[in-house]
Amino acid sequence: MSLASAQAPQRPNTLFDDEALIRECLKGSEEAWGNLVDKYKNLIFSIPIKVGLSQDDASEVFQIVCAELVKQLPNLRKPRALPKWLISVATHESFRTANRNRRFVDVDERIEETASVSSGQRADEIIRQAEREQLLRDAISSLQPRCQKLIFMLFFEDPVRSYELIAEELGLAEGSIGFIRGRCLQRLRKQLAKDSL
């Protein structure tokens, strides 16, 4: 997973499960809307970046997906389907934006057809990658805050910090980082196995 699609550790107690968030959003809770967008902002924004759009275009796609979410949330039948729905809408909008930006100059039908097949395969690949990344984000956010922070510091920060600096920030003995990392990764594996069922 790239750093662009990684997510910093969440503040404790600010995120709820999707069902509770959606229920509160539909009641008009601004806090729930903020939490829902906060929970999925990295997922939504990562897709146009993967497609190769500029930051400006990615921001535009993000806005369009969020606007569509506001309109379509009441029609969502299964809260667990929300990440896949967001991925689908963001992917479609990203490729639509990319195609709009592309300038075609005398392209013969065969090349155009090949590009279309290639775009479809690339879209499928992006969707699968985004689903895996969101599964990882969700699993990390379900861990205790110390594990979230440790995993983020070890695997998502650039430049990589030394165990000494990590231990200092977390208030731990340097020699305990490896052991704690192992326990946190074990919990993460269990959560990923549970979530992928």
Protein backbone atom coordinates (compact mmCIF):
# COMPACT_ATOMS: atom_id res chain seq x y z
CA MET A 1 0.00 0.00 0.00
CA SER A 2 1.32 3.42 -0.83
CA LEU A 3 1.58 6.22 1.68
CA ALA A 4 -0.95 8.21 -0.35
CA SER A 5 -3.56 5.55 0.34
CA ALA A 6 -2.53 4.94 3.94
CA GLN A 7 -4.48 6.39 6.78
CA ALA A 8 -3.09 7.88 9.94
CA PRO A 9 -4.42 6.35 13.14
CA GLN A 10 -7.96 7.41 13.92
CA ARG A 11 -8.92 9.30 17.03
CA PRO A 12 -10.55 6.87 19.46
CA ASN A 13 -14.37 6.86 19.57
CA THR A 14 -14.81 9.11 16.53
CA LEU A 15 -15.68 6.35 14.10
CA PHE A 16 -18.69 4.09 14.29
CA ASP A 17 -19.65 1.10 12.25
CA ASP A 18 -21.15 1.97 8.87
CA GLU A 19 -24.67 1.00 9.89
CA ALA A 20 -24.68 3.42 12.84
CA LEU A 21 -23.04 6.19 10.79
CA ILE A 22 -25.53 5.81 7.94
CA ARG A 23 -28.47 5.77 10.35
CA GLU A 24 -27.24 9.01 11.98
CA CYS A 25 -26.48 10.62 8.60
CA LEU A 26 -30.01 9.92 7.46
CA LYS A 27 -31.28 11.61 10.63
CA GLY A 28 -29.31 14.71 9.61
CA SER A 29 -26.35 14.47 11.99
CA GLU A 30 -23.51 16.69 10.73
CA GLU A 31 -21.06 14.91 13.03
CA ALA A 32 -22.01 11.56 11.49
CA TRP A 33 -21.51 12.99 7.98
CA GLY A 34 -18.11 14.30 9.04
CA ASN A 35 -17.16 10.92 10.48
CA LEU A 36 -18.40 9.06 7.40
CA VAL A 37 -16.42 11.28 5.02
CA ASP A 38 -13.40 11.12 7.34
CA LYS A 39 -13.59 7.33 7.38
CA TYR A 40 -13.66 7.00 3.58
CA LYS A 41 -11.77 10.08 2.34
CA ASN A 42 -8.53 8.17 1.74
CA LEU A 43 -10.37 5.44 -0.15
CA ILE A 44 -12.17 7.91 -2.40
CA PHE A 45 -9.15 10.11 -3.03
CA SER A 46 -6.79 7.17 -3.70
CA ILE A 47 -8.72 6.01 -6.76
CA PRO A 48 -8.27 9.07 -9.02
CA ILE A 49 -4.61 9.15 -7.99
CA LYS A 50 -4.24 5.50 -9.08
CA VAL A 51 -5.91 6.36 -12.39
CA GLY A 52 -3.25 9.03 -12.87
CA LEU A 53 -5.31 12.17 -12.42
CA SER A 54 -3.81 15.40 -11.13
CA GLN A 55 -4.42 16.57 -7.56
CA ASP A 56 -6.97 19.10 -8.87
CA ASP A 57 -8.85 16.45 -10.85
CA ALA A 58 -8.67 14.05 -7.88
CA SER A 59 -10.18 16.76 -5.67
CA GLU A 60 -12.95 17.28 -8.21
CA VAL A 61 -13.68 13.53 -8.31
CA PHE A 62 -13.72 13.49 -4.49
CA GLN A 63 -16.32 16.31 -4.46
CA ILE A 64 -18.48 14.57 -7.06
CA VAL A 65 -18.39 11.25 -5.17
CA CYS A 66 -19.30 12.99 -1.89
CA ALA A 67 -22.19 14.82 -3.57
CA GLU A 68 -23.40 11.54 -5.05
CA LEU A 69 -23.12 9.93 -1.61
CA VAL A 70 -25.40 12.59 -0.13
CA LYS A 71 -27.97 11.96 -2.88
CA GLN A 72 -27.79 8.17 -2.91
CA LEU A 73 -27.24 7.25 0.75
CA PRO A 74 -30.99 6.87 1.43
CA ASN A 75 -31.11 4.27 -1.37
CA LEU A 76 -28.25 2.13 -0.03
CA ARG A 77 -29.76 -1.22 0.98
CA LYS A 78 -26.80 -2.74 2.79
CA PRO A 79 -24.45 -0.58 4.87
CA ARG A 80 -21.66 -3.13 4.35
CA ALA A 81 -21.87 -2.37 0.63
CA LEU A 82 -20.90 1.28 1.14
CA PRO A 83 -17.13 0.84 0.51
CA LYS A 84 -17.76 -1.09 -2.72
CA TRP A 85 -20.29 1.51 -3.84
CA LEU A 86 -17.81 4.32 -3.15
CA ILE A 87 -15.09 2.44 -5.04
CA SER A 88 -17.39 1.90 -8.00
CA VAL A 89 -18.54 5.53 -8.18
CA ALA A 90 -15.02 6.90 -7.66
CA THR A 91 -13.59 4.56 -10.33
CA HIS A 92 -16.29 5.43 -12.85
CA GLU A 93 -15.91 9.16 -12.22
CA SER A 94 -12.10 8.94 -12.34
CA PHE A 95 -12.09 7.24 -15.75
CA ARG A 96 -14.78 9.62 -17.01
CA THR A 97 -12.59 12.55 -15.96
CA ALA A 98 -9.49 10.94 -17.48
CA ASN A 99 -11.29 10.34 -20.77
CA ARG A 100 -12.60 13.91 -20.79
CA ASN A 101 -9.06 15.20 -20.31
CA ARG A 102 -7.60 13.01 -23.01
CA ARG A 103 -7.18 14.56 -26.46
CA PHE A 104 -7.61 12.15 -29.35
CA VAL A 105 -5.94 12.89 -32.66
CA ASP A 106 -6.77 10.59 -35.60
CA VAL A 107 -6.85 7.33 -33.65
CA ASP A 108 -7.83 4.33 -35.72
CA GLU A 109 -10.61 2.08 -34.37
CA ARG A 110 -8.29 -0.82 -33.53
CA ILE A 111 -6.10 1.28 -31.23
CA GLU A 112 -9.18 2.86 -29.65
CA GLU A 113 -10.71 -0.61 -29.06
CA THR A 114 -7.47 -1.86 -27.46
CA ALA A 115 -7.36 1.18 -25.21
CA SER A 116 -10.96 0.55 -24.15
CA VAL A 117 -10.23 -3.08 -23.19
CA SER A 118 -7.10 -1.94 -21.39
CA SER A 119 -9.07 0.70 -19.46
CA GLY A 120 -11.63 -1.90 -18.39
CA GLN A 121 -8.93 -4.25 -17.13
CA ARG A 122 -7.18 -1.38 -15.36
CA ALA A 123 -10.46 -0.32 -13.73
CA ASP A 124 -10.97 -3.86 -12.40
CA GLU A 125 -7.43 -3.88 -11.04
CA ILE A 126 -7.92 -0.50 -9.36
CA ILE A 127 -11.20 -1.67 -7.81
CA ARG A 128 -9.58 -4.83 -6.38
CA GLN A 129 -6.63 -2.84 -5.01
CA ALA A 130 -8.91 -0.19 -3.45
CA GLU A 131 -11.03 -2.90 -1.80
CA ARG A 132 -7.92 -4.53 -0.28
CA GLU A 133 -6.60 -1.18 0.94
CA GLN A 134 -9.93 -0.28 2.54
CA LEU A 135 -10.07 -3.68 4.24
CA LEU A 136 -6.62 -2.94 5.68
CA ARG A 137 -7.64 0.60 6.77
CA ASP A 138 -10.73 -0.77 8.52
CA ALA A 139 -8.73 -3.52 10.24
CA ILE A 140 -6.08 -1.05 11.45
CA SER A 141 -8.73 1.36 12.74
CA SER A 142 -10.27 -1.46 14.81
CA LEU A 143 -7.02 -1.93 16.75
CA GLN A 144 -6.17 -0.21 20.01
CA PRO A 145 -4.79 3.32 19.50
CA ARG A 146 -1.24 2.32 20.48
CA CYS A 147 -1.21 -0.48 17.89
CA GLN A 148 -2.68 1.86 15.26
CA LYS A 149 0.03 4.41 15.90
CA LEU A 150 2.83 1.82 15.99
CA ILE A 151 1.73 0.23 12.71
CA PHE A 152 1.44 3.61 11.05
CA MET A 153 4.89 4.66 12.28
CA LEU A 154 6.53 1.39 11.22
CA PHE A 155 4.90 0.83 7.85
CA PHE A 156 3.43 4.04 6.47
CA GLU A 157 5.69 6.91 7.45
CA ASP A 158 8.31 8.22 5.10
CA PRO A 159 11.11 8.51 6.05
CA VAL A 160 11.10 5.43 8.25
CA ARG A 161 11.75 6.12 11.94
CA SER A 162 14.20 4.13 14.02
CA TYR A 163 12.97 1.94 16.88
CA GLU A 164 14.67 4.42 19.20
CA LEU A 165 12.54 7.34 17.95
CA ILE A 166 9.38 5.24 17.94
CA ALA A 167 10.01 4.07 21.50
CA GLU A 168 10.61 7.64 22.61
CA GLU A 169 7.36 8.92 21.07
CA LEU A 170 5.27 6.04 22.42
CA GLY A 171 6.93 6.09 25.85
CA LEU A 172 8.16 2.49 25.56
CA ALA A 173 11.45 0.73 26.03
CA GLU A 174 13.25 0.38 22.69
CA GLY A 175 13.68 -3.37 23.25
CA SER A 176 9.91 -3.86 23.56
CA ILE A 177 9.04 -2.44 20.12
CA GLY A 178 9.65 -5.72 18.28
CA PHE A 179 7.53 -7.71 20.73
CA ILE A 180 4.68 -5.18 20.69
CA ARG A 181 4.89 -4.96 16.88
CA GLY A 182 4.48 -8.75 16.71
CA ARG A 183 1.40 -8.67 18.96
CA CYS A 184 -0.13 -5.79 17.00
CA LEU A 185 0.47 -7.54 13.68
CA GLN A 186 -1.06 -10.74 15.08
CA ARG A 187 -4.18 -8.79 16.09
CA LEU A 188 -4.23 -7.16 12.67
CA ARG A 189 -4.03 -10.56 10.92
CA LYS A 190 -6.93 -11.85 13.05
CA GLN A 191 -9.01 -8.78 12.24
CA LEU A 192 -8.25 -9.07 8.51
CA ALA A 193 -9.23 -12.76 8.57
CA LYS A 194 -12.47 -11.87 10.38
CA ASP A 195 -13.27 -9.00 8.03
CA SER A 196 -12.62 -10.99 4.86
CA LEU A 197 -15.20 -13.64 5.76
